[in-house]
Each structure stands twice: as C-alpha cells, then as structure tokens.
Amino acid sequence: LAALDDVLRPIISPYELRRRIEFGSQGSFNSTVYKFYKRGWIKFVN
C-alpha cells in the first residue's frame, strides 16, 4: 500500500489488493483489512 504512487494510483480496490498479495483465506484477508481500519492505518474511499 505504501509503494503505490500517490499521483498515479492513490487508492486500490480490496479485490485487487488481495489478488496481488496472496492471503490464505478471504476471512484472513478481511480480518487484516478490518484490523488496519480500526487502528487508523487505512481508510475506505467510495
């Protein structure tokens, strides 16, 4: 996420992110993303 160029690709979809970094299960990925959100490390943009 930090390596994404702020000018070219400031945001990424959760689907694309999971595809690029292979997590074991969808639940594992979702819980990690939720943990990041609760800690204030990421935000969701619509």
ModelCIF file with pLDDT and N, C-alpha, C, O atoms, coordinates in Angstrom:
data_MODEL
#
_entry.id   MODEL 
#
_entity.id                         1 
_entity.type                       polymer 
_entity.pdbx_number_of_molecules   1 
#
_entity_poly.entity_id                      1 
_entity_poly.type                           'polypeptide(L)' 
_entity_poly.nstd_linkage                   no 
_entity_poly.nstd_monomer                   no 
_entity_poly.pdbx_seq_one_letter_code       LAALDDVLRPIISPYELRRRIEFGSQGSFNSTVYKFYKRGWIKFVN 
_entity_poly.pdbx_seq_one_letter_code_can   LAALDDVLRPIISPYELRRRIEFGSQGSFNSTVYKFYKRGWIKFVN 
_entity_poly.pdbx_strand_id                 A 
#
loop_
_entity_poly_seq.entity_id 
_entity_poly_seq.num 
_entity_poly_seq.mon_id 
_entity_poly_seq.hetero 
1 1  LEU n 
1 2  ALA n 
1 3  ALA n 
1 4  LEU n 
1 5  ASP n 
1 6  ASP n 
1 7  VAL n 
1 8  LEU n 
1 9  ARG n 
1 10 PRO n 
1 11 ILE n 
1 12 ILE n 
1 13 SER n 
1 14 PRO n 
1 15 TYR n 
1 16 GLU n 
1 17 LEU n 
1 18 ARG n 
1 19 ARG n 
1 20 ARG n 
1 21 ILE n 
1 22 GLU n 
1 23 PHE n 
1 24 GLY n 
1 25 SER n 
1 26 GLN n 
1 27 GLY n 
1 28 SER n 
1 29 PHE n 
1 30 ASN n 
1 31 SER n 
1 32 THR n 
1 33 VAL n 
1 34 TYR n 
1 35 LYS n 
1 36 PHE n 
1 37 TYR n 
1 38 LYS n 
1 39 ARG n 
1 40 GLY n 
1 41 TRP n 
1 42 ILE n 
1 43 LYS n 
1 44 PHE n 
1 45 VAL n 
1 46 ASN n 
#
_struct_asym.id          A 
_struct_asym.entity_id   1 
#
loop_
_ma_qa_metric.id 
_ma_qa_metric.mode 
_ma_qa_metric.name 
_ma_qa_metric.software_group_id 
_ma_qa_metric.type 
1 global pLDDT . pLDDT 
2 local  pLDDT . pLDDT 
#
_ma_qa_metric_global.metric_id      1 
_ma_qa_metric_global.metric_value   70.33 
_ma_qa_metric_global.model_id       1 
_ma_qa_metric_global.ordinal_id     1 
#
loop_
_ma_qa_metric_local.label_asym_id 
_ma_qa_metric_local.label_comp_id 
_ma_qa_metric_local.label_seq_id 
_ma_qa_metric_local.metric_id 
_ma_qa_metric_local.metric_value 
_ma_qa_metric_local.model_id 
_ma_qa_metric_local.ordinal_id 
A LEU 1  2 67.00 1 1  
A ALA 2  2 62.00 1 2  
A ALA 3  2 60.00 1 3  
A LEU 4  2 58.00 1 4  
A ASP 5  2 47.00 1 5  
A ASP 6  2 48.00 1 6  
A VAL 7  2 38.00 1 7  
A LEU 8  2 37.00 1 8  
A ARG 9  2 46.00 1 9  
A PRO 10 2 48.00 1 10 
A ILE 11 2 61.00 1 11 
A ILE 12 2 67.00 1 12 
A SER 13 2 71.00 1 13 
A PRO 14 2 73.00 1 14 
A TYR 15 2 71.00 1 15 
A GLU 16 2 71.00 1 16 
A LEU 17 2 71.00 1 17 
A ARG 18 2 66.00 1 18 
A ARG 19 2 66.00 1 19 
A ARG 20 2 63.00 1 20 
A ILE 21 2 67.00 1 21 
A GLU 22 2 68.00 1 22 
A PHE 23 2 66.00 1 23 
A GLY 24 2 65.00 1 24 
A SER 25 2 68.00 1 25 
A GLN 26 2 69.00 1 26 
A GLY 27 2 72.00 1 27 
A SER 28 2 73.00 1 28 
A PHE 29 2 75.00 1 29 
A ASN 30 2 78.00 1 30 
A SER 31 2 80.00 1 31 
A THR 32 2 79.00 1 32 
A VAL 33 2 80.00 1 33 
A TYR 34 2 83.00 1 34 
A LYS 35 2 84.00 1 35 
A PHE 36 2 84.00 1 36 
A TYR 37 2 87.00 1 37 
A LYS 38 2 90.00 1 38 
A ARG 39 2 88.00 1 39 
A GLY 40 2 88.00 1 40 
A TRP 41 2 84.00 1 41 
A ILE 42 2 84.00 1 42 
A LYS 43 2 85.00 1 43 
A PHE 44 2 83.00 1 44 
A VAL 45 2 82.00 1 45 
A ASN 46 2 82.00 1 46 
#
loop_
_atom_site.group_PDB 
_atom_site.id 
_atom_site.type_symbol 
_atom_site.label_atom_id 
_atom_site.label_alt_id 
_atom_site.label_comp_id 
_atom_site.label_asym_id 
_atom_site.label_entity_id 
_atom_site.label_seq_id 
_atom_site.pdbx_PDB_ins_code 
_atom_site.Cartn_x 
_atom_site.Cartn_y 
_atom_site.Cartn_z 
_atom_site.occupancy 
_atom_site.B_iso_or_equiv 
_atom_site.pdbx_formal_charge 
_atom_site.auth_seq_id 
_atom_site.auth_comp_id 
_atom_site.auth_asym_id 
_atom_site.auth_atom_id 
_atom_site.pdbx_PDB_model_num 
ATOM 1   N N  . LEU A 1 1  ? 0.826   -1.208  0.000   1.00 67.00 ? 1  LEU A N  1 
ATOM 2   C CA . LEU A 1 1  ? 0.000   0.000   0.000   1.00 67.00 ? 1  LEU A CA 1 
ATOM 3   C C  . LEU A 1 1  ? 0.862   1.261   0.000   1.00 67.00 ? 1  LEU A C  1 
ATOM 4   O O  . LEU A 1 1  ? 0.531   2.242   -0.666  1.00 67.00 ? 1  LEU A O  1 
ATOM 5   N N  . ALA A 1 2  ? 1.963   1.236   0.745   1.00 62.00 ? 2  ALA A N  1 
ATOM 6   C CA . ALA A 1 2  ? 2.851   2.396   0.804   1.00 62.00 ? 2  ALA A CA 1 
ATOM 7   C C  . ALA A 1 2  ? 3.563   2.616   -0.523  1.00 62.00 ? 2  ALA A C  1 
ATOM 8   O O  . ALA A 1 2  ? 3.886   3.751   -0.876  1.00 62.00 ? 2  ALA A O  1 
ATOM 9   N N  . ALA A 1 3  ? 3.807   1.540   -1.257  1.00 60.00 ? 3  ALA A N  1 
ATOM 10  C CA . ALA A 1 3  ? 4.540   1.648   -2.517  1.00 60.00 ? 3  ALA A CA 1 
ATOM 11  C C  . ALA A 1 3  ? 3.680   2.199   -3.652  1.00 60.00 ? 3  ALA A C  1 
ATOM 12  O O  . ALA A 1 3  ? 4.212   2.605   -4.686  1.00 60.00 ? 3  ALA A O  1 
ATOM 13  N N  . LEU A 1 4  ? 2.375   2.218   -3.475  1.00 58.00 ? 4  LEU A N  1 
ATOM 14  C CA . LEU A 1 4  ? 1.516   2.763   -4.526  1.00 58.00 ? 4  LEU A CA 1 
ATOM 15  C C  . LEU A 1 4  ? 1.850   4.233   -4.716  1.00 58.00 ? 4  LEU A C  1 
ATOM 16  O O  . LEU A 1 4  ? 1.933   4.982   -3.743  1.00 58.00 ? 4  LEU A O  1 
ATOM 17  N N  . ASP A 1 5  ? 2.034   4.635   -5.914  1.00 47.00 ? 5  ASP A N  1 
ATOM 18  C CA . ASP A 1 5  ? 2.363   6.020   -6.209  1.00 47.00 ? 5  ASP A CA 1 
ATOM 19  C C  . ASP A 1 5  ? 1.142   6.895   -5.932  1.00 47.00 ? 5  ASP A C  1 
ATOM 20  O O  . ASP A 1 5  ? 0.075   6.669   -6.503  1.00 47.00 ? 5  ASP A O  1 
ATOM 21  N N  . ASP A 1 6  ? 1.294   7.893   -5.057  1.00 48.00 ? 6  ASP A N  1 
ATOM 22  C CA . ASP A 1 6  ? 0.173   8.760   -4.689  1.00 48.00 ? 6  ASP A CA 1 
ATOM 23  C C  . ASP A 1 6  ? -0.424  9.508   -5.880  1.00 48.00 ? 6  ASP A C  1 
ATOM 24  O O  . ASP A 1 6  ? -1.611  9.832   -5.873  1.00 48.00 ? 6  ASP A O  1 
ATOM 25  N N  . VAL A 1 7  ? 0.377   9.780   -6.887  1.00 38.00 ? 7  VAL A N  1 
ATOM 26  C CA . VAL A 1 7  ? -0.122  10.523  -8.035  1.00 38.00 ? 7  VAL A CA 1 
ATOM 27  C C  . VAL A 1 7  ? -0.853  9.598   -8.995  1.00 38.00 ? 7  VAL A C  1 
ATOM 28  O O  . VAL A 1 7  ? -1.946  9.915   -9.466  1.00 38.00 ? 7  VAL A O  1 
ATOM 29  N N  . LEU A 1 8  ? -0.243  8.450   -9.282  1.00 37.00 ? 8  LEU A N  1 
ATOM 30  C CA . LEU A 1 8  ? -0.820  7.564   -10.281 1.00 37.00 ? 8  LEU A CA 1 
ATOM 31  C C  . LEU A 1 8  ? -1.945  6.701   -9.741  1.00 37.00 ? 8  LEU A C  1 
ATOM 32  O O  . LEU A 1 8  ? -2.989  6.576   -10.381 1.00 37.00 ? 8  LEU A O  1 
ATOM 33  N N  . ARG A 1 9  ? -1.747  6.099   -8.559  1.00 46.00 ? 9  ARG A N  1 
ATOM 34  C CA . ARG A 1 9  ? -2.740  5.177   -8.012  1.00 46.00 ? 9  ARG A CA 1 
ATOM 35  C C  . ARG A 1 9  ? -2.883  5.400   -6.514  1.00 46.00 ? 9  ARG A C  1 
ATOM 36  O O  . ARG A 1 9  ? -2.370  4.615   -5.717  1.00 46.00 ? 9  ARG A O  1 
ATOM 37  N N  . PRO A 1 10 ? -3.573  6.458   -6.128  1.00 48.00 ? 10 PRO A N  1 
ATOM 38  C CA . PRO A 1 10 ? -3.676  6.731   -4.695  1.00 48.00 ? 10 PRO A CA 1 
ATOM 39  C C  . PRO A 1 10 ? -4.530  5.731   -3.934  1.00 48.00 ? 10 PRO A C  1 
ATOM 40  O O  . PRO A 1 10 ? -4.429  5.628   -2.712  1.00 48.00 ? 10 PRO A O  1 
ATOM 41  N N  . ILE A 1 11 ? -5.361  5.001   -4.645  1.00 61.00 ? 11 ILE A N  1 
ATOM 42  C CA . ILE A 1 11 ? -6.263  4.062   -3.980  1.00 61.00 ? 11 ILE A CA 1 
ATOM 43  C C  . ILE A 1 11 ? -6.271  2.748   -4.759  1.00 61.00 ? 11 ILE A C  1 
ATOM 44  O O  . ILE A 1 11 ? -5.918  2.705   -5.937  1.00 61.00 ? 11 ILE A O  1 
ATOM 45  N N  . ILE A 1 12 ? -6.676  1.692   -4.084  1.00 67.00 ? 12 ILE A N  1 
ATOM 46  C CA . ILE A 1 12 ? -6.747  0.366   -4.712  1.00 67.00 ? 12 ILE A CA 1 
ATOM 47  C C  . ILE A 1 12 ? -7.976  -0.348  -4.167  1.00 67.00 ? 12 ILE A C  1 
ATOM 48  O O  . ILE A 1 12 ? -8.343  -0.174  -3.004  1.00 67.00 ? 12 ILE A O  1 
ATOM 49  N N  . SER A 1 13 ? -8.604  -1.145  -5.009  1.00 71.00 ? 13 SER A N  1 
ATOM 50  C CA . SER A 1 13 ? -9.779  -1.872  -4.552  1.00 71.00 ? 13 SER A CA 1 
ATOM 51  C C  . SER A 1 13 ? -9.336  -3.041  -3.678  1.00 71.00 ? 13 SER A C  1 
ATOM 52  O O  . SER A 1 13 ? -8.259  -3.597  -3.889  1.00 71.00 ? 13 SER A O  1 
ATOM 53  N N  . PRO A 1 14 ? -10.158 -3.419  -2.697  1.00 73.00 ? 14 PRO A N  1 
ATOM 54  C CA . PRO A 1 14 ? -9.816  -4.573  -1.861  1.00 73.00 ? 14 PRO A CA 1 
ATOM 55  C C  . PRO A 1 14 ? -9.596  -5.844  -2.683  1.00 73.00 ? 14 PRO A C  1 
ATOM 56  O O  . PRO A 1 14 ? -8.722  -6.647  -2.356  1.00 73.00 ? 14 PRO A O  1 
ATOM 57  N N  . TYR A 1 15 ? -10.380 -6.031  -3.747  1.00 71.00 ? 15 TYR A N  1 
ATOM 58  C CA . TYR A 1 15 ? -10.229 -7.216  -4.592  1.00 71.00 ? 15 TYR A CA 1 
ATOM 59  C C  . TYR A 1 15 ? -8.838  -7.240  -5.244  1.00 71.00 ? 15 TYR A C  1 
ATOM 60  O O  . TYR A 1 15 ? -8.151  -8.261  -5.228  1.00 71.00 ? 15 TYR A O  1 
ATOM 61  N N  . GLU A 1 16 ? -8.442  -6.104  -5.814  1.00 71.00 ? 16 GLU A N  1 
ATOM 62  C CA . GLU A 1 16 ? -7.138  -6.019  -6.485  1.00 71.00 ? 16 GLU A CA 1 
ATOM 63  C C  . GLU A 1 16 ? -6.000  -6.221  -5.480  1.00 71.00 ? 16 GLU A C  1 
ATOM 64  O O  . GLU A 1 16 ? -5.008  -6.883  -5.785  1.00 71.00 ? 16 GLU A O  1 
ATOM 65  N N  . LEU A 1 17 ? -6.145  -5.658  -4.305  1.00 71.00 ? 17 LEU A N  1 
ATOM 66  C CA . LEU A 1 17 ? -5.116  -5.798  -3.274  1.00 71.00 ? 17 LEU A CA 1 
ATOM 67  C C  . LEU A 1 17 ? -4.960  -7.264  -2.875  1.00 71.00 ? 17 LEU A C  1 
ATOM 68  O O  . LEU A 1 17 ? -3.839  -7.761  -2.775  1.00 71.00 ? 17 LEU A O  1 
ATOM 69  N N  . ARG A 1 18 ? -6.058  -7.947  -2.651  1.00 66.00 ? 18 ARG A N  1 
ATOM 70  C CA . ARG A 1 18 ? -5.991  -9.360  -2.272  1.00 66.00 ? 18 ARG A CA 1 
ATOM 71  C C  . ARG A 1 18 ? -5.381  -10.208 -3.388  1.00 66.00 ? 18 ARG A C  1 
ATOM 72  O O  . ARG A 1 18 ? -4.649  -11.162 -3.123  1.00 66.00 ? 18 ARG A O  1 
ATOM 73  N N  . ARG A 1 19 ? -5.685  -9.856  -4.631  1.00 66.00 ? 19 ARG A N  1 
ATOM 74  C CA . ARG A 1 19 ? -5.133  -10.582 -5.776  1.00 66.00 ? 19 ARG A CA 1 
ATOM 75  C C  . ARG A 1 19 ? -3.608  -10.430 -5.837  1.00 66.00 ? 19 ARG A C  1 
ATOM 76  O O  . ARG A 1 19 ? -2.904  -11.378 -6.185  1.00 66.00 ? 19 ARG A O  1 
ATOM 77  N N  . ARG A 1 20 ? -3.105  -9.254  -5.504  1.00 63.00 ? 20 ARG A N  1 
ATOM 78  C CA . ARG A 1 20 ? -1.664  -9.006  -5.598  1.00 63.00 ? 20 ARG A CA 1 
ATOM 79  C C  . ARG A 1 20 ? -0.872  -9.601  -4.447  1.00 63.00 ? 20 ARG A C  1 
ATOM 80  O O  . ARG A 1 20 ? 0.293   -9.962  -4.615  1.00 63.00 ? 20 ARG A O  1 
ATOM 81  N N  . ILE A 1 21 ? -1.487  -9.705  -3.290  1.00 67.00 ? 21 ILE A N  1 
ATOM 82  C CA . ILE A 1 21 ? -0.819  -10.310 -2.136  1.00 67.00 ? 21 ILE A CA 1 
ATOM 83  C C  . ILE A 1 21 ? -1.665  -11.496 -1.717  1.00 67.00 ? 21 ILE A C  1 
ATOM 84  O O  . ILE A 1 21 ? -2.763  -11.329 -1.185  1.00 67.00 ? 21 ILE A O  1 
ATOM 85  N N  . GLU A 1 22 ? -1.160  -12.681 -1.953  1.00 68.00 ? 22 GLU A N  1 
ATOM 86  C CA . GLU A 1 22 ? -1.937  -13.896 -1.735  1.00 68.00 ? 22 GLU A CA 1 
ATOM 87  C C  . GLU A 1 22 ? -2.054  -14.206 -0.247  1.00 68.00 ? 22 GLU A C  1 
ATOM 88  O O  . GLU A 1 22 ? -1.073  -14.578 0.397   1.00 68.00 ? 22 GLU A O  1 
ATOM 89  N N  . PHE A 1 23 ? -3.241  -14.052 0.285   1.00 66.00 ? 23 PHE A N  1 
ATOM 90  C CA . PHE A 1 23 ? -3.546  -14.427 1.659   1.00 66.00 ? 23 PHE A CA 1 
ATOM 91  C C  . PHE A 1 23 ? -4.110  -15.827 1.635   1.00 66.00 ? 23 PHE A C  1 
ATOM 92  O O  . PHE A 1 23 ? -4.578  -16.302 0.600   1.00 66.00 ? 23 PHE A O  1 
ATOM 93  N N  . GLY A 1 24 ? -4.066  -16.487 2.778   1.00 65.00 ? 24 GLY A N  1 
ATOM 94  C CA . GLY A 1 24 ? -4.594  -17.842 2.856   1.00 65.00 ? 24 GLY A CA 1 
ATOM 95  C C  . GLY A 1 24 ? -6.063  -17.913 2.516   1.00 65.00 ? 24 GLY A C  1 
ATOM 96  O O  . GLY A 1 24 ? -6.447  -18.592 1.564   1.00 65.00 ? 24 GLY A O  1 
ATOM 97  N N  . SER A 1 25 ? -6.888  -17.227 3.274   1.00 68.00 ? 25 SER A N  1 
ATOM 98  C CA . SER A 1 25 ? -8.324  -17.292 3.039   1.00 68.00 ? 25 SER A CA 1 
ATOM 99  C C  . SER A 1 25 ? -8.889  -15.880 2.938   1.00 68.00 ? 25 SER A C  1 
ATOM 100 O O  . SER A 1 25 ? -8.241  -14.914 3.341   1.00 68.00 ? 25 SER A O  1 
ATOM 101 N N  . GLN A 1 26 ? -10.068 -15.768 2.411   1.00 69.00 ? 26 GLN A N  1 
ATOM 102 C CA . GLN A 1 26 ? -10.737 -14.475 2.307   1.00 69.00 ? 26 GLN A CA 1 
ATOM 103 C C  . GLN A 1 26 ? -10.982 -13.901 3.707   1.00 69.00 ? 26 GLN A C  1 
ATOM 104 O O  . GLN A 1 26 ? -10.852 -12.696 3.924   1.00 69.00 ? 26 GLN A O  1 
ATOM 105 N N  . GLY A 1 27 ? -11.335 -14.776 4.651   1.00 72.00 ? 27 GLY A N  1 
ATOM 106 C CA . GLY A 1 27 ? -11.575 -14.323 6.025   1.00 72.00 ? 27 GLY A CA 1 
ATOM 107 C C  . GLY A 1 27 ? -10.322 -13.739 6.657   1.00 72.00 ? 27 GLY A C  1 
ATOM 108 O O  . GLY A 1 27 ? -10.396 -12.742 7.375   1.00 72.00 ? 27 GLY A O  1 
ATOM 109 N N  . SER A 1 28 ? -9.181  -14.346 6.399   1.00 73.00 ? 28 SER A N  1 
ATOM 110 C CA . SER A 1 28 ? -7.912  -13.846 6.922   1.00 73.00 ? 28 SER A CA 1 
ATOM 111 C C  . SER A 1 28 ? -7.605  -12.462 6.357   1.00 73.00 ? 28 SER A C  1 
ATOM 112 O O  . SER A 1 28 ? -7.177  -11.563 7.081   1.00 73.00 ? 28 SER A O  1 
ATOM 113 N N  . PHE A 1 29 ? -7.826  -12.305 5.065   1.00 75.00 ? 29 PHE A N  1 
ATOM 114 C CA . PHE A 1 29 ? -7.605  -11.013 4.422   1.00 75.00 ? 29 PHE A CA 1 
ATOM 115 C C  . PHE A 1 29 ? -8.559  -9.971  4.993   1.00 75.00 ? 29 PHE A C  1 
ATOM 116 O O  . PHE A 1 29 ? -8.134  -8.871  5.348   1.00 75.00 ? 29 PHE A O  1 
ATOM 117 N N  . ASN A 1 30 ? -9.834  -10.302 5.085   1.00 78.00 ? 30 ASN A N  1 
ATOM 118 C CA . ASN A 1 30 ? -10.829 -9.359  5.596   1.00 78.00 ? 30 ASN A CA 1 
ATOM 119 C C  . ASN A 1 30 ? -10.528 -8.937  7.028   1.00 78.00 ? 30 ASN A C  1 
ATOM 120 O O  . ASN A 1 30 ? -10.665 -7.763  7.370   1.00 78.00 ? 30 ASN A O  1 
ATOM 121 N N  . SER A 1 31 ? -10.118 -9.887  7.870   1.00 80.00 ? 31 SER A N  1 
ATOM 122 C CA . SER A 1 31 ? -9.829  -9.522  9.257   1.00 80.00 ? 31 SER A CA 1 
ATOM 123 C C  . SER A 1 31 ? -8.601  -8.615  9.344   1.00 80.00 ? 31 SER A C  1 
ATOM 124 O O  . SER A 1 31 ? -8.552  -7.724  10.191  1.00 80.00 ? 31 SER A O  1 
ATOM 125 N N  . THR A 1 32 ? -7.606  -8.835  8.472   1.00 79.00 ? 32 THR A N  1 
ATOM 126 C CA . THR A 1 32 ? -6.427  -7.973  8.462   1.00 79.00 ? 32 THR A CA 1 
ATOM 127 C C  . THR A 1 32 ? -6.801  -6.561  8.024   1.00 79.00 ? 32 THR A C  1 
ATOM 128 O O  . THR A 1 32 ? -6.372  -5.584  8.638   1.00 79.00 ? 32 THR A O  1 
ATOM 129 N N  . VAL A 1 33 ? -7.594  -6.454  6.971   1.00 80.00 ? 33 VAL A N  1 
ATOM 130 C CA . VAL A 1 33 ? -8.035  -5.144  6.490   1.00 80.00 ? 33 VAL A CA 1 
ATOM 131 C C  . VAL A 1 33 ? -8.859  -4.447  7.568   1.00 80.00 ? 33 VAL A C  1 
ATOM 132 O O  . VAL A 1 33 ? -8.692  -3.246  7.784   1.00 80.00 ? 33 VAL A O  1 
ATOM 133 N N  . TYR A 1 34 ? -9.731  -5.162  8.237   1.00 83.00 ? 34 TYR A N  1 
ATOM 134 C CA . TYR A 1 34 ? -10.542 -4.578  9.305   1.00 83.00 ? 34 TYR A CA 1 
ATOM 135 C C  . TYR A 1 34 ? -9.652  -4.105  10.459  1.00 83.00 ? 34 TYR A C  1 
ATOM 136 O O  . TYR A 1 34 ? -9.879  -3.036  11.026  1.00 83.00 ? 34 TYR A O  1 
ATOM 137 N N  . LYS A 1 35 ? -8.645  -4.902  10.799  1.00 84.00 ? 35 LYS A N  1 
ATOM 138 C CA . LYS A 1 35 ? -7.709  -4.519  11.860  1.00 84.00 ? 35 LYS A CA 1 
ATOM 139 C C  . LYS A 1 35 ? -6.971  -3.225  11.481  1.00 84.00 ? 35 LYS A C  1 
ATOM 140 O O  . LYS A 1 35 ? -6.789  -2.343  12.321  1.00 84.00 ? 35 LYS A O  1 
ATOM 141 N N  . PHE A 1 36 ? -6.552  -3.117  10.227  1.00 84.00 ? 36 PHE A N  1 
ATOM 142 C CA . PHE A 1 36 ? -5.887  -1.902  9.754   1.00 84.00 ? 36 PHE A CA 1 
ATOM 143 C C  . PHE A 1 36 ? -6.816  -0.695  9.864   1.00 84.00 ? 36 PHE A C  1 
ATOM 144 O O  . PHE A 1 36 ? -6.395  0.394   10.255  1.00 84.00 ? 36 PHE A O  1 
ATOM 145 N N  . TYR A 1 37 ? -8.075  -0.905  9.516   1.00 87.00 ? 37 TYR A N  1 
ATOM 146 C CA . TYR A 1 37 ? -9.062  0.178   9.578   1.00 87.00 ? 37 TYR A CA 1 
ATOM 147 C C  . TYR A 1 37 ? -9.274  0.634   11.029  1.00 87.00 ? 37 TYR A C  1 
ATOM 148 O O  . TYR A 1 37 ? -9.290  1.833   11.309  1.00 87.00 ? 37 TYR A O  1 
ATOM 149 N N  . LYS A 1 38 ? -9.434  -0.311  11.932  1.00 90.00 ? 38 LYS A N  1 
ATOM 150 C CA . LYS A 1 38 ? -9.665  0.024   13.345  1.00 90.00 ? 38 LYS A CA 1 
ATOM 151 C C  . LYS A 1 38 ? -8.462  0.758   13.951  1.00 90.00 ? 38 LYS A C  1 
ATOM 152 O O  . LYS A 1 38 ? -8.631  1.614   14.819  1.00 90.00 ? 38 LYS A O  1 
ATOM 153 N N  . ARG A 1 39 ? -7.259  0.425   13.498  1.00 88.00 ? 39 ARG A N  1 
ATOM 154 C CA . ARG A 1 39 ? -6.050  1.091   14.003  1.00 88.00 ? 39 ARG A CA 1 
ATOM 155 C C  . ARG A 1 39 ? -5.790  2.432   13.331  1.00 88.00 ? 39 ARG A C  1 
ATOM 156 O O  . ARG A 1 39 ? -4.885  3.162   13.736  1.00 88.00 ? 39 ARG A O  1 
ATOM 157 N N  . GLY A 1 40 ? -6.566  2.762   12.318  1.00 88.00 ? 40 GLY A N  1 
ATOM 158 C CA . GLY A 1 40 ? -6.399  4.036   11.632  1.00 88.00 ? 40 GLY A CA 1 
ATOM 159 C C  . GLY A 1 40 ? -5.299  4.024   10.583  1.00 88.00 ? 40 GLY A C  1 
ATOM 160 O O  . GLY A 1 40 ? -4.810  5.083   10.188  1.00 88.00 ? 40 GLY A O  1 
ATOM 161 N N  . TRP A 1 41 ? -4.907  2.848   10.129  1.00 84.00 ? 41 TRP A N  1 
ATOM 162 C CA . TRP A 1 41 ? -3.834  2.748   9.136   1.00 84.00 ? 41 TRP A CA 1 
ATOM 163 C C  . TRP A 1 41 ? -4.352  2.908   7.718   1.00 84.00 ? 41 TRP A C  1 
ATOM 164 O O  . TRP A 1 41 ? -3.609  3.329   6.831   1.00 84.00 ? 41 TRP A O  1 
ATOM 165 N N  . ILE A 1 42 ? -5.620  2.576   7.493   1.00 84.00 ? 42 ILE A N  1 
ATOM 166 C CA . ILE A 1 42 ? -6.220  2.731   6.177   1.00 84.00 ? 42 ILE A CA 1 
ATOM 167 C C  . ILE A 1 42 ? -7.570  3.412   6.332   1.00 84.00 ? 42 ILE A C  1 
ATOM 168 O O  . ILE A 1 42 ? -8.151  3.448   7.417   1.00 84.00 ? 42 ILE A O  1 
ATOM 169 N N  . LYS A 1 43 ? -8.049  3.944   5.230   1.00 85.00 ? 43 LYS A N  1 
ATOM 170 C CA . LYS A 1 43 ? -9.423  4.443   5.198   1.00 85.00 ? 43 LYS A CA 1 
ATOM 171 C C  . LYS A 1 43 ? -10.055 3.957   3.910   1.00 85.00 ? 43 LYS A C  1 
ATOM 172 O O  . LYS A 1 43 ? -9.362  3.658   2.937   1.00 85.00 ? 43 LYS A O  1 
ATOM 173 N N  . PHE A 1 44 ? -11.370 3.882   3.911   1.00 83.00 ? 44 PHE A N  1 
ATOM 174 C CA . PHE A 1 44 ? -12.106 3.454   2.738   1.00 83.00 ? 44 PHE A CA 1 
ATOM 175 C C  . PHE A 1 44 ? -12.612 4.684   2.001   1.00 83.00 ? 44 PHE A C  1 
ATOM 176 O O  . PHE A 1 44 ? -13.086 5.643   2.609   1.00 83.00 ? 44 PHE A O  1 
ATOM 177 N N  . VAL A 1 45 ? -12.503 4.636   0.693   1.00 82.00 ? 45 VAL A N  1 
ATOM 178 C CA . VAL A 1 45 ? -12.927 5.738   -0.157  1.00 82.00 ? 45 VAL A CA 1 
ATOM 179 C C  . VAL A 1 45 ? -13.915 5.187   -1.174  1.00 82.00 ? 45 VAL A C  1 
ATOM 180 O O  . VAL A 1 45 ? -13.636 4.194   -1.845  1.00 82.00 ? 45 VAL A O  1 
ATOM 181 N N  . ASN A 1 46 ? -15.074 5.837   -1.287  1.00 82.00 ? 46 ASN A N  1 
ATOM 182 C CA . ASN A 1 46 ? -16.061 5.433   -2.298  1.00 82.00 ? 46 ASN A CA 1 
ATOM 183 C C  . ASN A 1 46 ? -15.905 6.348   -3.504  1.00 82.00 ? 46 ASN A C  1 
ATOM 184 O O  . ASN A 1 46 ? -16.630 6.201   -4.488  1.00 82.00 ? 46 ASN A O  1 
#
